[in-house]
Amino acid sequence: MLQVSKFVISRREVTTPPLPILPLPSSSQLKWQERELIMFLHFGVNTFTDSEWGTGHENPAIFNPVGLNASQWVDVAAEAGFSLMILTAKHHDGFCLWPSKYTDHSVASSPWKNGRGDVVQELVIAARAHEGIDVGLYLSPWDRHDKRYGHDLQYNEYYLAQLQELLNK
């Protein structure tokens, strides 16, 4: 006797996944979106004047963070779960946390490390030594110290020169 087996094949309806909505984020944009915590460091002459808003007329001699330890900043950020530290390299008061050749309103005119200090460089070096921490820099487009501010062509040239100086450190 011949036995015939019956196989039942069930058909399930498979929903086709939707097409992505373009444009898709780049890998750096996706990394930004996936960051859980970002630290913003606002440090400068206002730290020493105990004021929220700088005028641009602060004497650079007040900037003297003798106990500055950028490695400590990075360690604390990492322990707290931060993945990015953004430093205000220059805020609207115009004081630069790196020795800018375009202004006298910077760490180069301060007593800190005899005018040879560089907060930006110290933070970058500390972060590079610590896996998982990236550094971002904020360079204010408003500069209350520089007389060129408000004169578009002259100020834009000055600002771009400082931006290039900062990014080429």
C-alpha atoms as a PDB file:
ATOM      1  CA  MET A   1       0.000   0.000   0.000  1.00  0.00           C
ATOM      2  CA  LEU A   2       1.282   3.395  -0.930  1.00  0.00           C
ATOM      3  CA  GLN A   3       1.314   6.052   1.761  1.00  0.00           C
ATOM      4  CA  VAL A   4       1.202   9.660   0.781  1.00  0.00           C
ATOM      5  CA  SER A   5       2.195  12.250   3.303  1.00  0.00           C
ATOM      6  CA  LYS A   6       0.587  15.544   3.230  1.00  0.00           C
ATOM      7  CA  PHE A   7       2.642  18.561   4.051  1.00  0.00           C
ATOM      8  CA  VAL A   8       0.850  21.675   4.943  1.00  0.00           C
ATOM      9  CA  ILE A   9       2.734  24.796   4.105  1.00  0.00           C
ATOM     10  CA  SER A  10       1.433  27.792   5.868  1.00  0.00           C
ATOM     11  CA  ARG A  11       1.821  31.128   4.280  1.00  0.00           C
ATOM     12  CA  ARG A  12       2.458  34.014   6.568  1.00  0.00           C
ATOM     13  CA  GLU A  13       2.124  37.464   5.285  1.00  0.00           C
ATOM     14  CA  VAL A  14       5.441  39.196   5.561  1.00  0.00           C
ATOM     15  CA  THR A  15       5.354  42.928   5.848  1.00  0.00           C
ATOM     16  CA  THR A  16       8.034  44.630   3.863  1.00  0.00           C
ATOM     17  CA  PRO A  17       9.953  47.061   6.074  1.00  0.00           C
ATOM     18  CA  PRO A  18       9.511  50.692   5.150  1.00  0.00           C
ATOM     19  CA  LEU A  19      12.173  52.428   3.159  1.00  0.00           C
ATOM     20  CA  PRO A  20      14.407  54.784   5.166  1.00  0.00           C
ATOM     21  CA  ILE A  21      13.454  58.403   5.282  1.00  0.00           C
ATOM     22  CA  LEU A  22      16.231  60.298   3.591  1.00  0.00           C
ATOM     23  CA  PRO A  23      18.625  61.819   4.273  1.00  0.00           C
ATOM     24  CA  LEU A  24      20.221  59.321   6.628  1.00  0.00           C
ATOM     25  CA  PRO A  25      22.542  60.682   9.333  1.00  0.00           C
ATOM     26  CA  SER A  26      26.284  60.431   8.805  1.00  0.00           C
ATOM     27  CA  SER A  27      28.286  58.341  11.261  1.00  0.00           C
ATOM     28  CA  SER A  28      29.414  61.461  13.143  1.00  0.00           C
ATOM     29  CA  GLN A  29      25.824  62.758  13.329  1.00  0.00           C
ATOM     30  CA  LEU A  30      24.666  59.380  14.614  1.00  0.00           C
ATOM     31  CA  LYS A  31      27.452  59.344  17.224  1.00  0.00           C
ATOM     32  CA  TRP A  32      26.313  62.802  18.396  1.00  0.00           C
ATOM     33  CA  GLN A  33      22.722  61.599  18.747  1.00  0.00           C
ATOM     34  CA  GLU A  34      23.776  58.493  20.684  1.00  0.00           C
ATOM     35  CA  ARG A  35      25.777  60.397  23.291  1.00  0.00           C
ATOM     36  CA  GLU A  36      24.133  60.128  26.671  1.00  0.00           C
ATOM     37  CA  LEU A  37      25.825  63.017  28.476  1.00  0.00           C
ATOM     38  CA  ILE A  38      27.834  66.013  27.308  1.00  0.00           C
ATOM     39  CA  MET A  39      29.740  68.337  29.634  1.00  0.00           C
ATOM     40  CA  PHE A  40      30.057  72.057  28.908  1.00  0.00           C
ATOM     41  CA  LEU A  41      32.993  73.749  30.632  1.00  0.00           C
ATOM     42  CA  HIS A  42      32.603  77.481  31.006  1.00  0.00           C
ATOM     43  CA  PHE A  43      35.894  78.628  32.478  1.00  0.00           C
ATOM     44  CA  GLY A  44      37.620  81.961  32.024  1.00  0.00           C
ATOM     45  CA  VAL A  45      38.121  85.395  33.555  1.00  0.00           C
ATOM     46  CA  ASN A  46      34.547  85.375  34.887  1.00  0.00           C
ATOM     47  CA  THR A  47      35.598  82.500  37.130  1.00  0.00           C
ATOM     48  CA  PHE A  48      37.897  84.967  38.891  1.00  0.00           C
ATOM     49  CA  THR A  49      35.542  87.972  38.893  1.00  0.00           C
ATOM     50  CA  ASP A  50      32.575  85.905  40.116  1.00  0.00           C
ATOM     51  CA  SER A  51      30.389  87.475  37.457  1.00  0.00           C
ATOM     52  CA  GLU A  52      28.134  85.875  34.911  1.00  0.00           C
ATOM     53  CA  TRP A  53      28.690  88.342  32.086  1.00  0.00           C
ATOM     54  CA  GLY A  54      32.119  89.582  31.089  1.00  0.00           C
ATOM     55  CA  THR A  55      32.599  93.036  29.664  1.00  0.00           C
ATOM     56  CA  GLY A  56      35.769  92.479  27.663  1.00  0.00           C
ATOM     57  CA  HIS A  57      37.591  94.969  29.897  1.00  0.00           C
ATOM     58  CA  GLU A  58      38.771  92.439  32.476  1.00  0.00           C
ATOM     59  CA  ASN A  59      42.453  92.570  33.265  1.00  0.00           C
ATOM     60  CA  PRO A  60      44.042  89.294  32.053  1.00  0.00           C
ATOM     61  CA  ALA A  61      46.217  89.378  35.193  1.00  0.00           C
ATOM     62  CA  ILE A  62      43.238  88.096  37.214  1.00  0.00           C
ATOM     63  CA  PHE A  63      43.407  84.781  35.341  1.00  0.00           C
ATOM     64  CA  ASN A  64      45.712  82.593  37.402  1.00  0.00           C
ATOM     65  CA  PRO A  65      44.376  79.047  37.914  1.00  0.00           C
ATOM     66  CA  VAL A  66      47.458  77.739  39.726  1.00  0.00           C
ATOM     67  CA  GLY A  67      45.682  74.501  40.668  1.00  0.00           C
ATOM     68  CA  LEU A  68      44.300  73.754  37.202  1.00  0.00           C
ATOM     69  CA  ASN A  69      44.412  70.028  36.502  1.00  0.00           C
ATOM     70  CA  ALA A  70      42.783  69.129  33.191  1.00  0.00           C
ATOM     71  CA  SER A  71      43.376  65.425  33.845  1.00  0.00           C
ATOM     72  CA  GLN A  72      41.210  65.723  36.955  1.00  0.00           C
ATOM     73  CA  TRP A  73      38.447  67.324  34.841  1.00  0.00           C
ATOM     74  CA  VAL A  74      38.608  64.434  32.369  1.00  0.00           C
ATOM     75  CA  ASP A  75      38.671  61.796  35.114  1.00  0.00           C
ATOM     76  CA  VAL A  76      35.582  63.294  36.762  1.00  0.00           C
ATOM     77  CA  ALA A  77      33.791  63.549  33.411  1.00  0.00           C
ATOM     78  CA  ALA A  78      34.547  59.906  32.619  1.00  0.00           C
ATOM     79  CA  GLU A  79      33.470  58.710  36.078  1.00  0.00           C
ATOM     80  CA  ALA A  80      30.179  60.589  35.681  1.00  0.00           C
ATOM     81  CA  GLY A  81      29.532  59.011  32.277  1.00  0.00           C
ATOM     82  CA  PHE A  82      30.246  61.945  29.981  1.00  0.00           C
ATOM     83  CA  SER A  83      31.573  61.200  26.494  1.00  0.00           C
ATOM     84  CA  LEU A  84      32.196  64.756  25.293  1.00  0.00           C
ATOM     85  CA  MET A  85      33.613  67.816  27.035  1.00  0.00           C
ATOM     86  CA  ILE A  86      33.003  71.147  25.323  1.00  0.00           C
ATOM     87  CA  LEU A  87      35.303  73.937  26.489  1.00  0.00           C
ATOM     88  CA  THR A  88      34.495  77.594  25.998  1.00  0.00           C
ATOM     89  CA  ALA A  89      37.820  78.535  24.413  1.00  0.00           C
ATOM     90  CA  LYS A  90      36.641  82.150  24.079  1.00  0.00           C
ATOM     91  CA  HIS A  91      33.385  83.562  25.330  1.00  0.00           C
ATOM     92  CA  HIS A  92      31.791  86.927  24.516  1.00  0.00           C
ATOM     93  CA  ASP A  93      34.240  88.764  26.810  1.00  0.00           C
ATOM     94  CA  GLY A  94      36.933  87.945  24.234  1.00  0.00           C
ATOM     95  CA  PHE A  95      39.358  86.273  26.662  1.00  0.00           C
ATOM     96  CA  CYS A  96      41.131  83.379  24.948  1.00  0.00           C
ATOM     97  CA  LEU A  97      42.097  80.273  26.907  1.00  0.00           C
ATOM     98  CA  TRP A  98      44.944  79.683  24.463  1.00  0.00           C
ATOM     99  CA  PRO A  99      47.779  82.102  23.653  1.00  0.00           C
ATOM    100  CA  SER A 100      46.270  83.785  20.594  1.00  0.00           C
ATOM    101  CA  LYS A 101      48.581  85.881  18.463  1.00  0.00           C
ATOM    102  CA  TYR A 102      45.565  87.968  17.408  1.00  0.00           C
ATOM    103  CA  THR A 103      44.757  89.542  20.776  1.00  0.00           C
ATOM    104  CA  ASP A 104      46.363  90.579  24.040  1.00  0.00           C
ATOM    105  CA  HIS A 105      43.226  89.436  25.870  1.00  0.00           C
ATOM    106  CA  SER A 106      44.386  85.857  26.458  1.00  0.00           C
ATOM    107  CA  VAL A 107      46.266  83.539  28.790  1.00  0.00           C
ATOM    108  CA  ALA A 108      49.497  84.896  27.288  1.00  0.00           C
ATOM    109  CA  SER A 109      48.863  88.159  29.171  1.00  0.00           C
ATOM    110  CA  SER A 110      48.158  86.412  32.453  1.00  0.00           C
ATOM    111  CA  PRO A 111      50.559  85.410  35.221  1.00  0.00           C
ATOM    112  CA  TRP A 112      49.468  81.778  34.909  1.00  0.00           C
ATOM    113  CA  LYS A 113      52.540  79.749  33.930  1.00  0.00           C
ATOM    114  CA  ASN A 114      54.314  83.045  33.209  1.00  0.00           C
ATOM    115  CA  GLY A 115      52.037  83.667  30.218  1.00  0.00           C
ATOM    116  CA  ARG A 116      52.894  80.323  28.625  1.00  0.00           C
ATOM    117  CA  GLY A 117      49.814  78.408  29.750  1.00  0.00           C
ATOM    118  CA  ASP A 118      47.248  76.952  27.379  1.00  0.00           C
ATOM    119  CA  VAL A 119      44.003  75.604  28.860  1.00  0.00           C
ATOM    120  CA  VAL A 120      42.808  74.321  25.480  1.00  0.00           C
ATOM    121  CA  GLN A 121      45.968  72.295  24.895  1.00  0.00           C
ATOM    122  CA  GLU A 122      45.961  70.905  28.434  1.00  0.00           C
ATOM    123  CA  LEU A 123      42.382  69.677  28.070  1.00  0.00           C
ATOM    124  CA  VAL A 124      43.038  68.121  24.664  1.00  0.00           C
ATOM    125  CA  ILE A 125      46.133  66.299  25.955  1.00  0.00           C
ATOM    126  CA  ALA A 126      44.267  65.050  29.031  1.00  0.00           C
ATOM    127  CA  ALA A 127      41.337  63.791  26.950  1.00  0.00           C
ATOM    128  CA  ARG A 128      43.591  62.005  24.462  1.00  0.00           C
ATOM    129  CA  ALA A 129      45.134  60.107  27.370  1.00  0.00           C
ATOM    130  CA  HIS A 130      41.669  58.941  28.458  1.00  0.00           C
ATOM    131  CA  GLU A 131      39.765  56.605  26.144  1.00  0.00           C
ATOM    132  CA  GLY A 132      36.133  57.488  25.530  1.00  0.00           C
ATOM    133  CA  ILE A 133      36.305  61.248  26.086  1.00  0.00           C
ATOM    134  CA  ASP A 134      36.161  63.621  23.135  1.00  0.00           C
ATOM    135  CA  VAL A 135      36.759  67.383  23.210  1.00  0.00           C
ATOM    136  CA  GLY A 136      34.741  70.091  21.519  1.00  0.00           C
ATOM    137  CA  LEU A 137      35.546  73.799  21.500  1.00  0.00           C
ATOM    138  CA  TYR A 138      33.233  76.804  21.631  1.00  0.00           C
ATOM    139  CA  LEU A 139      34.520  80.011  20.076  1.00  0.00           C
ATOM    140  CA  SER A 140      32.052  82.835  20.600  1.00  0.00           C
ATOM    141  CA  PRO A 141      31.307  84.932  17.524  1.00  0.00           C
ATOM    142  CA  TRP A 142      30.688  87.906  19.823  1.00  0.00           C
ATOM    143  CA  ASP A 143      33.796  89.582  21.210  1.00  0.00           C
ATOM    144  CA  ARG A 144      33.226  92.531  23.548  1.00  0.00           C
ATOM    145  CA  HIS A 145      36.969  93.113  23.829  1.00  0.00           C
ATOM    146  CA  ASP A 146      37.847  93.599  20.170  1.00  0.00           C
ATOM    147  CA  LYS A 147      37.091  96.988  18.606  1.00  0.00           C
ATOM    148  CA  ARG A 148      36.540  95.371  15.196  1.00  0.00           C
ATOM    149  CA  TYR A 149      33.349  93.723  16.424  1.00  0.00           C
ATOM    150  CA  GLY A 150      30.409  95.177  14.475  1.00  0.00           C
ATOM    151  CA  HIS A 151      32.589  95.975  11.444  1.00  0.00           C
ATOM    152  CA  ASP A 152      31.750  92.939   9.385  1.00  0.00           C
ATOM    153  CA  LEU A 153      34.715  92.552   7.051  1.00  0.00           C
ATOM    154  CA  GLN A 154      37.433  93.391   9.590  1.00  0.00           C
ATOM    155  CA  TYR A 155      35.864  91.351  12.372  1.00  0.00           C
ATOM    156  CA  ASN A 156      35.102  88.365  10.149  1.00  0.00           C
ATOM    157  CA  GLU A 157      38.749  88.255   9.061  1.00  0.00           C
ATOM    158  CA  TYR A 158      39.847  88.435  12.712  1.00  0.00           C
ATOM    159  CA  TYR A 159      37.354  85.764  13.787  1.00  0.00           C
ATOM    160  CA  LEU A 160      38.325  83.383  10.985  1.00  0.00           C
ATOM    161  CA  ALA A 161      42.006  83.873  11.805  1.00  0.00           C
ATOM    162  CA  GLN A 162      41.342  82.954  15.441  1.00  0.00           C
ATOM    163  CA  LEU A 163      39.221  79.987  14.396  1.00  0.00           C
ATOM    164  CA  GLN A 164      42.006  78.673  12.141  1.00  0.00           C
ATOM    165  CA  GLU A 165      44.563  79.298  14.883  1.00  0.00           C
ATOM    166  CA  LEU A 166      42.464  77.348  17.370  1.00  0.00           C
ATOM    167  CA  LEU A 167      41.723  74.435  15.047  1.00  0.00           C
ATOM    168  CA  ASN A 168      45.364  74.078  13.993  1.00  0.00           C
ATOM    169  CA  LYS A 169      46.670  73.716  17.558  1.00  0.00           C
END
